[in-house]
Protein backbone atom coordinates (compact mmCIF):
# COMPACT_ATOMS: atom_id res chain seq x y z
CA MET A 1 0.00 0.00 0.00
CA THR A 2 1.90 3.02 -1.23
CA ASP A 3 -0.52 5.45 -2.90
CA SER A 4 -3.36 7.54 -1.47
CA LYS A 5 -6.04 5.62 -3.39
CA SER A 6 -4.92 2.29 -1.91
CA PHE A 7 -4.76 3.86 1.55
CA SER A 8 -8.27 5.30 1.23
CA ASP A 9 -9.56 1.95 -0.03
CA LEU A 10 -8.07 0.14 2.97
CA ALA A 11 -9.61 2.60 5.44
CA ASP A 12 -12.99 2.18 3.72
CA ARG A 13 -12.75 -1.63 3.84
CA LEU A 14 -11.92 -1.48 7.55
CA GLU A 15 -14.92 0.72 8.31
CA GLN A 16 -17.32 -1.36 6.25
CA ALA A 17 -16.19 -4.55 7.98
CA ARG A 18 -16.90 -2.89 11.34
CA LEU A 19 -20.29 -1.50 10.36
CA LYS A 20 -21.51 -4.72 8.75
CA ALA A 21 -19.80 -7.16 11.15
CA LEU A 22 -18.41 -9.09 8.22
CA PRO A 23 -15.02 -10.66 7.50
CA LEU A 24 -12.54 -8.12 6.22
CA ASP A 25 -11.78 -8.24 2.51
CA TRP A 26 -8.01 -7.77 2.61
CA PRO A 27 -6.53 -8.19 -0.88
CA ALA A 28 -3.37 -10.24 -1.07
CA THR A 29 -1.91 -7.46 -3.21
CA MET A 30 -2.24 -4.95 -0.36
CA PRO A 31 0.83 -5.32 1.88
CA VAL A 32 0.97 -3.17 4.98
CA ASP A 33 3.53 -2.57 7.72
CA LEU A 34 2.97 -1.28 11.26
CA PRO A 35 3.41 2.44 10.47
CA GLN A 36 0.92 2.13 7.59
CA ALA A 37 -1.44 0.14 9.82
CA TYR A 38 -1.45 2.85 12.49
CA ALA A 39 -2.00 5.48 9.79
CA ALA A 40 -5.01 3.50 8.51
CA ALA A 41 -6.39 3.05 12.04
CA LEU A 42 -5.99 6.78 12.73
CA ALA A 43 -7.78 7.59 9.47
CA VAL A 44 -10.72 5.44 10.56
CA ARG A 45 -10.61 7.07 14.01
CA ALA A 46 -10.82 10.53 12.41
CA ALA A 47 -13.75 9.44 10.24
CA ARG A 48 -15.61 8.05 13.27
CA ILE A 49 -15.08 11.29 15.17
CA ARG A 50 -16.45 13.26 12.21
CA ALA A 51 -19.48 10.96 12.28
CA GLY A 52 -20.10 11.74 15.96
CA ASP A 53 -18.32 8.93 17.84
CA VAL A 54 -16.38 10.07 20.92
CA PRO A 55 -13.09 8.46 22.00
CA ALA A 56 -12.94 7.32 25.63
CA GLY A 57 -9.29 6.32 25.67
CA TYR A 58 -7.13 3.47 24.48
CA LYS A 59 -6.50 -0.25 24.66
CA VAL A 60 -3.09 -1.88 24.69
CA GLY A 61 -2.99 -5.33 23.17
CA PHE A 62 -0.50 -8.19 23.13
CA THR A 63 1.23 -7.09 26.31
CA ASN A 64 1.02 -10.67 27.59
CA ARG A 65 4.20 -12.29 26.28
CA ASN A 66 2.85 -15.75 27.09
CA ILE A 67 0.40 -15.54 24.17
CA TRP A 68 2.77 -14.09 21.56
CA PRO A 69 3.61 -17.48 19.98
CA HIS A 70 -0.09 -18.38 19.70
CA TYR A 71 -0.92 -15.20 17.77
CA GLN A 72 2.44 -14.99 15.99
CA VAL A 73 3.25 -11.50 17.29
CA ASP A 74 6.33 -10.19 19.07
CA SER A 75 5.34 -6.78 20.45
CA PRO A 76 2.35 -4.91 21.90
CA ILE A 77 -0.09 -2.87 19.83
CA TRP A 78 -2.60 -0.15 20.73
CA GLY A 79 -5.98 1.10 19.50
CA THR A 80 -8.85 3.42 20.37
CA VAL A 81 -11.59 2.74 22.92
CA TRP A 82 -14.91 4.54 22.27
CA GLN A 83 -17.47 5.89 24.70
CA GLY A 84 -20.10 3.80 22.94
CA SER A 85 -18.11 0.63 23.59
CA VAL A 86 -17.60 1.21 27.34
CA THR A 87 -19.93 -0.02 30.08
CA GLN A 88 -19.23 1.14 33.62
CA ALA A 89 -20.42 -1.13 36.40
CA THR A 90 -22.87 0.76 38.58
CA SER A 91 -22.87 1.32 42.33
CA ASP A 92 -25.93 -0.95 42.52
CA ALA A 93 -24.04 -3.76 40.79
CA PRO A 94 -20.31 -2.92 40.96
CA ASP A 95 -19.23 -6.46 40.16
CA ALA A 96 -21.70 -7.57 37.47
CA ALA A 97 -23.16 -6.52 34.12
CA VAL A 98 -24.95 -7.82 31.03
CA LEU A 99 -23.43 -7.16 27.60
CA SER A 100 -24.69 -7.82 24.09
CA LEU A 101 -22.33 -9.41 21.58
CA ASP A 102 -24.28 -8.08 18.60
CA GLY A 103 -22.02 -6.68 15.92
CA LEU A 104 -18.90 -8.51 17.10
CA CYS A 105 -17.03 -11.10 15.04
CA GLU A 106 -15.56 -14.14 16.82
CA PRO A 107 -15.55 -12.35 20.22
CA ARG A 108 -13.21 -13.33 23.03
CA ILE A 109 -12.95 -12.21 26.66
CA GLU A 110 -9.86 -10.73 28.28
CA PRO A 111 -9.55 -9.90 32.01
CA GLU A 112 -7.48 -6.73 32.36
CA ILE A 113 -6.42 -3.86 34.57
CA VAL A 114 -7.80 -0.46 33.51
CA PHE A 115 -6.41 2.96 34.43
CA CYS A 116 -7.88 6.45 34.16
CA LEU A 117 -5.71 9.54 33.91
CA ARG A 118 -6.20 12.48 36.26
CA ASP A 119 -3.73 14.47 34.18
CA ALA A 120 -1.81 13.90 30.99
CA PRO A 121 1.62 12.55 31.97
CA PRO A 122 4.54 14.77 30.94
CA PRO A 123 6.62 13.92 27.85
CA ASP A 124 9.14 11.14 28.44
CA CYS A 125 7.57 10.59 31.84
CA SER A 126 9.11 8.42 34.51
CA ALA A 127 7.19 5.71 36.36
CA ASP A 128 6.82 8.12 39.30
CA GLU A 129 5.36 10.85 37.06
CA LEU A 130 3.02 8.33 35.45
CA VAL A 131 1.66 7.08 38.78
CA ALA A 132 1.22 10.70 39.92
CA SER A 133 -0.98 11.28 36.84
CA LEU A 134 -3.41 8.45 37.66
CA ASP A 135 -6.94 9.04 38.91
CA TRP A 136 -8.14 5.50 39.47
CA VAL A 137 -7.56 1.85 38.63
CA ALA A 138 -10.13 -0.89 38.04
CA HIS A 139 -10.46 -4.49 36.98
CA GLY A 140 -12.27 -4.87 33.69
CA PHE A 141 -13.17 -7.19 30.85
CA GLU A 142 -12.23 -6.22 27.31
CA ILE A 143 -14.21 -8.08 24.67
CA VAL A 144 -11.95 -8.32 21.67
CA HIS A 145 -12.94 -9.44 18.19
CA THR A 146 -11.50 -9.68 14.71
CA HIS A 147 -12.71 -9.35 11.15
CA PHE A 148 -10.05 -11.89 10.10
CA SER A 149 -11.48 -15.41 10.09
CA HIS A 150 -10.26 -17.82 12.78
CA TRP A 151 -8.09 -15.12 14.38
CA LYS A 152 -5.43 -15.42 11.68
CA PHE A 153 -3.74 -12.07 11.06
CA THR A 154 -0.44 -10.23 11.20
CA ALA A 155 0.34 -7.69 13.91
CA ALA A 156 -0.13 -4.90 11.36
CA GLN A 157 -3.51 -6.27 10.31
CA ALA A 158 -4.58 -6.40 13.96
CA VAL A 159 -3.59 -2.74 14.39
CA ALA A 160 -5.52 -1.71 11.30
CA ASP A 161 -8.53 -3.72 12.48
CA ALA A 162 -9.14 -1.27 15.37
CA GLY A 163 -6.57 -3.00 17.56
CA LEU A 164 -9.15 -5.82 17.88
CA HIS A 165 -11.23 -3.74 20.33
CA GLY A 166 -14.92 -4.57 20.70
CA LEU A 167 -16.29 -3.71 24.16
CA LEU A 168 -14.97 -2.74 27.57
CA LEU A 169 -16.64 -3.44 30.91
CA VAL A 170 -15.08 -1.44 33.75
CA GLY A 171 -15.58 -2.65 37.30
CA ALA A 172 -15.45 -0.69 40.53
CA ARG A 173 -13.05 2.26 40.36
CA ILE A 174 -10.35 2.28 43.03
CA PRO A 175 -8.91 5.77 43.59
CA VAL A 176 -5.15 6.24 43.32
CA PRO A 177 -4.54 8.93 45.96
CA ALA A 178 -1.99 11.66 45.36
CA GLY A 179 1.32 10.60 46.83
CA THR A 180 0.76 6.87 46.28
CA PRO A 181 4.26 5.31 46.33
CA THR A 182 5.11 4.06 42.86
CA VAL A 183 6.81 0.92 44.12
CA ASP A 184 3.73 -0.06 46.16
CA LEU A 185 1.36 0.23 43.19
CA VAL A 186 3.77 -1.47 40.81
CA GLN A 187 4.32 -4.42 43.13
CA ALA A 188 0.66 -4.81 44.09
CA LEU A 189 -0.56 -4.92 40.48
CA ALA A 190 2.33 -7.02 39.18
CA GLY A 191 1.80 -9.51 42.01
CA LEU A 192 -1.96 -9.93 41.70
CA THR A 193 -3.37 -13.29 40.69
CA ILE A 194 -6.58 -13.80 38.74
CA ARG A 195 -8.77 -16.80 37.97
CA LEU A 196 -11.14 -16.74 35.01
CA TYR A 197 -14.30 -18.86 35.07
CA GLY A 198 -16.75 -19.57 32.23
CA ASP A 199 -20.16 -20.86 33.31
CA GLY A 200 -18.64 -21.91 36.62
CA ALA A 201 -15.67 -23.83 35.18
CA LEU A 202 -12.12 -22.61 35.69
CA LYS A 203 -10.80 -21.63 32.26
CA ASP A 204 -7.51 -19.89 32.99
CA GLU A 205 -5.26 -18.32 35.59
CA GLY A 206 -2.95 -15.33 35.27
CA ARG A 207 -0.78 -12.83 37.07
CA GLY A 208 -0.30 -9.11 36.79
CA ALA A 209 3.33 -9.67 35.84
CA ASN A 210 2.19 -11.34 32.62
CA VAL A 211 1.60 -7.93 30.99
CA LEU A 212 5.09 -6.53 30.35
CA ASP A 213 6.02 -7.34 33.98
CA GLY A 214 3.01 -5.46 35.38
CA PRO A 215 0.10 -3.19 34.43
CA VAL A 216 1.97 0.01 35.40
CA GLN A 217 4.87 -1.03 33.18
CA ALA A 218 2.43 -1.81 30.34
CA LEU A 219 0.88 1.62 30.73
CA LEU A 220 4.29 3.29 30.65
CA HIS A 221 5.17 1.39 27.47
CA PHE A 222 1.93 2.56 25.85
CA VAL A 223 2.44 6.21 26.79
CA ARG A 224 5.83 6.18 25.09
CA GLU A 225 4.61 4.26 22.04
CA LEU A 226 1.63 6.56 21.53
CA ARG A 227 3.83 9.63 21.54
CA ALA A 228 6.22 7.98 19.08
CA THR A 229 3.42 7.27 16.56
CA PRO A 230 3.12 9.95 13.85
CA GLY A 231 -0.29 11.62 13.89
CA ALA A 232 -1.40 9.99 17.16
CA PRO A 233 -3.61 12.09 19.46
CA ALA A 234 -2.31 13.54 22.70
CA LEU A 235 -3.26 11.97 26.00
CA LYS A 236 -5.63 14.00 28.16
CA ALA A 237 -7.25 13.95 31.58
CA GLY A 238 -10.06 11.41 31.74
CA ASP A 239 -8.59 9.01 29.19
CA LEU A 240 -9.06 5.31 29.99
CA VAL A 241 -6.29 2.87 29.17
CA THR A 242 -6.74 -0.87 29.43
CA THR A 243 -3.41 -2.66 29.66
CA GLY A 244 -3.79 -6.13 28.16
CA THR A 245 -5.12 -9.52 29.07
CA LEU A 246 -3.76 -11.23 32.17
CA THR A 247 -4.73 -14.65 30.75
CA ASP A 248 -5.23 -15.93 27.23
CA ALA A 249 -8.27 -14.60 25.36
CA HIS A 250 -11.17 -17.07 25.40
CA PRO A 251 -14.11 -17.35 22.95
CA VAL A 252 -17.49 -16.22 24.31
CA ALA A 253 -21.07 -16.65 23.14
CA PRO A 254 -24.56 -15.39 24.04
CA GLY A 255 -26.03 -17.11 27.09
CA GLN A 256 -22.68 -17.58 28.83
CA THR A 257 -21.65 -16.11 32.19
CA TRP A 258 -18.00 -15.35 32.92
CA GLN A 259 -16.44 -14.21 36.17
CA THR A 260 -13.10 -13.60 37.83
CA GLN A 261 -11.58 -13.93 41.26
CA ILE A 262 -8.68 -11.62 42.17
CA GLU A 263 -6.08 -11.82 44.91
CA SER A 264 -3.91 -8.77 45.48
CA SER A 265 -2.49 -6.63 48.26
CA GLY A 266 -1.92 -3.06 49.35
CA PRO A 267 -4.43 -0.23 49.84
CA VAL A 268 -5.09 0.09 46.09
CA GLY A 269 -4.43 -3.40 44.72
CA GLY A 270 -6.16 -5.06 47.66
CA ALA A 271 -9.38 -3.21 46.88
CA LEU A 272 -9.69 -4.76 43.41
CA ALA A 273 -12.47 -7.31 43.23
CA GLY A 274 -13.65 -9.93 40.78
CA LEU A 275 -16.14 -9.18 38.06
CA THR A 276 -19.07 -11.07 36.48
CA VAL A 277 -20.51 -10.58 33.01
CA ARG A 278 -23.40 -12.32 31.25
CA PHE A 279 -23.61 -12.22 27.48
CA GLU A 280 -26.76 -11.97 25.45
């Protein structure tokens, strides 16, 4: 893909696949690398904003090195999360929700750690500056999907395909108070353990350290990668960032109920609780 017509055609194919929930028609004659893939994804993002969609933040994918061989990738990717794709658990039901899978292709569930920014972190921020910019942390489920049949794609194709983002369920928000020691938050989130159950059966287990050694480290990686991407938007207060699956991603279907159990420590990490979602 080298000319503007091919680029425009790719962006249109990506958007049509999303709108119609159909497999993506990706011509074999249309090669694409990661910089081109991010350019295509950003073009689709701009078109969605013009159409009235509102970004809510970002997702970071493939931070879990344990699953790289399965998906034939060797580095993380990122994409946009939209307000229309986010469900916030309510105070009446902070640990449960019902989500529709309509419009998603081959959906899978990923238990993750989600952050919200109080302030945009400074350029080339340190881990201390990043933690100081946080408003809250939560456990969440990202529902990922792909318009490539049987989850067969390259890393660049995954980036172009909206970073595989479908839906995001955010559980109870745990405030990150000003002055929270960086080492405490890093260790608590890296050391957490999580068990994922589907319809009551244990499906997987994971640890916070699976995502680039910990969710704070995954967030720091994303902040630097975003700013290194030509044309990428600037981070701002209120942005959500979900930091990658702590287990493998597992296929889901209407009628199923999935839940997690979390074990962690510290005043912030210890407040994280499991989450339940039913699909319809």
